[in-house]
Protein backbone atom coordinates (compact mmCIF):
# COMPACT_ATOMS: atom_id res chain seq x y z
CA MET A 1 -22.42 7.72 0.23
CA SER A 2 -20.11 10.44 1.79
CA ASN A 3 -18.54 13.47 0.31
CA VAL A 4 -14.85 12.78 0.20
CA THR A 5 -12.02 13.31 -2.31
CA THR A 6 -10.61 10.62 -4.41
CA GLY A 7 -8.62 7.98 -2.60
CA SER A 8 -10.17 8.73 0.80
CA GLN A 9 -11.59 6.25 3.13
CA LYS A 10 -15.30 6.11 3.44
CA GLY A 11 -16.63 8.65 5.91
CA GLN A 12 -13.45 10.89 5.79
CA LYS A 13 -13.61 14.31 4.36
CA ASP A 14 -10.51 15.86 2.80
CA GLN A 15 -9.78 19.10 0.92
CA ASP A 16 -11.59 19.12 -2.32
CA PRO A 17 -9.30 19.10 -5.53
CA LYS A 18 -9.59 22.22 -7.65
CA THR A 19 -11.01 21.98 -11.10
CA GLN A 20 -9.45 23.61 -14.15
CA GLU A 21 -11.73 26.72 -13.66
CA GLY A 22 -10.39 27.11 -10.10
CA MET A 23 -13.64 25.88 -8.44
CA ARG A 24 -13.72 23.17 -5.95
CA ALA A 25 -15.18 19.84 -7.03
CA THR A 26 -17.08 17.44 -4.75
CA VAL A 27 -16.12 13.81 -5.10
CA ARG A 28 -18.27 11.24 -3.43
CA TYR A 29 -17.12 7.73 -2.34
CA VAL A 30 -19.27 5.04 -4.00
CA ASP A 31 -18.66 1.44 -2.69
CA ARG A 32 -18.35 -1.41 -5.22
CA PRO A 33 -19.14 -4.62 -3.32
CA GLU A 34 -18.05 -6.70 -6.43
CA CYS A 35 -14.40 -5.29 -6.10
CA VAL A 36 -12.29 -8.27 -5.13
CA GLU A 37 -9.85 -8.27 -2.24
CA THR A 38 -6.41 -9.86 -2.84
CA PHE A 39 -4.26 -11.42 -0.16
CA ALA A 40 -0.57 -11.10 -0.26
CA ASP A 41 2.17 -12.33 2.18
CA SER A 42 4.96 -10.26 0.74
CA ILE A 43 5.96 -7.33 -1.37
CA ASN A 44 7.90 -8.46 -4.43
CA SER A 45 8.89 -5.05 -5.74
CA VAL A 46 8.35 -1.35 -5.47
CA PHE A 47 9.33 0.83 -8.36
CA PHE A 48 8.90 4.56 -9.30
CA ASP A 49 9.50 5.37 -12.88
CA GLY A 50 9.02 9.19 -12.67
CA GLN A 51 5.31 9.03 -13.63
CA THR A 52 3.84 6.14 -11.63
CA MET A 53 4.58 4.07 -8.52
CA ARG A 54 4.37 0.33 -9.28
CA LEU A 55 3.94 -2.17 -6.43
CA GLU A 56 3.80 -5.91 -6.95
CA PHE A 57 2.39 -8.00 -4.06
CA GLY A 58 3.36 -11.66 -3.72
CA ILE A 59 2.02 -14.90 -2.29
CA THR A 60 4.20 -17.69 -1.08
CA ARG A 61 3.42 -21.33 -1.74
CA MET A 62 5.51 -24.00 0.02
CA ASP A 63 6.50 -27.15 -1.75
CA GLU A 64 5.60 -30.52 -0.47
CA MET A 65 7.85 -31.47 2.46
CA LYS A 66 10.26 -34.34 1.88
CA LYS A 67 12.28 -36.29 4.56
CA ASP A 68 15.87 -35.22 4.89
CA GLN A 69 15.30 -32.27 2.35
CA PRO A 70 15.41 -28.59 3.20
CA LEU A 71 12.10 -26.68 2.98
CA SER A 72 11.52 -24.93 -0.33
CA GLY A 73 8.77 -22.84 -1.83
CA ARG A 74 7.92 -20.58 -4.64
CA ARG A 75 6.74 -16.93 -4.63
CA TYR A 76 4.07 -15.93 -7.22
CA PRO A 77 2.75 -12.43 -8.05
CA ALA A 78 -0.70 -11.85 -6.43
CA CYS A 79 -1.46 -8.37 -7.55
CA ARG A 80 0.18 -5.50 -9.47
CA LEU A 81 -0.81 -2.04 -8.28
CA VAL A 82 0.08 1.14 -10.28
CA LEU A 83 -0.45 4.53 -8.55
CA ALA A 84 -0.25 8.15 -9.73
CA PRO A 85 2.21 10.28 -7.84
CA ALA A 86 -0.54 11.92 -5.77
CA ALA A 87 -1.99 8.52 -4.82
CA ALA A 88 1.53 7.24 -4.00
CA MET A 89 2.18 10.15 -1.59
CA GLU A 90 -1.23 9.53 -0.02
CA LEU A 91 -0.32 5.93 0.46
CA ILE A 92 3.02 6.73 1.96
CA ASN A 93 1.53 9.24 4.43
CA ARG A 94 -1.16 6.92 5.53
CA MET A 95 1.21 4.12 6.06
CA GLN A 96 3.37 6.39 8.18
CA GLN A 97 0.28 7.40 10.24
CA THR A 98 -0.54 3.69 10.56
CA ALA A 99 3.04 2.79 11.61
CA ALA A 100 2.97 5.58 14.26
CA ALA A 101 -0.32 4.26 15.72
CA LEU A 102 0.92 0.69 15.80
CA GLN A 103 4.01 1.93 17.53
CA GLN A 104 2.07 4.00 20.07
CA ALA A 105 -0.06 1.15 20.81
CA GLY A 106 2.97 -1.08 21.46
CA ILE A 107 2.15 -3.49 18.64
CA VAL A 108 5.46 -2.75 16.78
CA ARG A 109 8.73 -1.20 17.88
CA GLN A 110 10.87 1.20 15.89
CA THR A 111 14.12 -0.46 15.11
CA GLU A 112 17.35 1.65 14.98
CA THR A 113 19.27 1.28 11.75
CA ASP A 114 23.02 1.23 11.69
CA PRO A 115 24.15 3.99 9.27
CA LYS A 116 27.02 1.76 8.15
CA SER A 117 24.71 -1.03 6.99
CA GLN A 118 22.58 1.28 4.78
CA LYS A 119 23.29 1.16 1.03
CA ARG A 120 24.55 4.31 -0.47
C-alpha cells in the first residue's frame, strides 16, 4: 500500500484532500485484484449533466461475411463509467499528459483542425 489521494495511480503521491475540520486526510491506495478489466474499441458517448461526467465505452462485433454483400457490424455497450467533476478533471488532465508524452515520443502526431470545419 502507498499513501496517495483518491484516484491516484499506485505509488504516486498527490496533495491530500482537506477534511471538514481543515485537517489533511491521508488516503491509501488498496488494490482489489478481483476488480475486472473491460475491453472497449470505441467510445459511444460522453455526457456532462452538470453534476457527473458519463462515459459509455463500446465494443464492435462484425456480422458474418457474405459474398457480394457489404461488411456490416453492430456496436454494443461494454461499460458505463460515471465520474464526479473532480475525477472527470483528473481524467482529462491525465489524458492530456498521456497525449503529450505520446506526441513527444513520436507515436502520435497532433493534427491541425480547420476552424471552418468545427461546429459552433
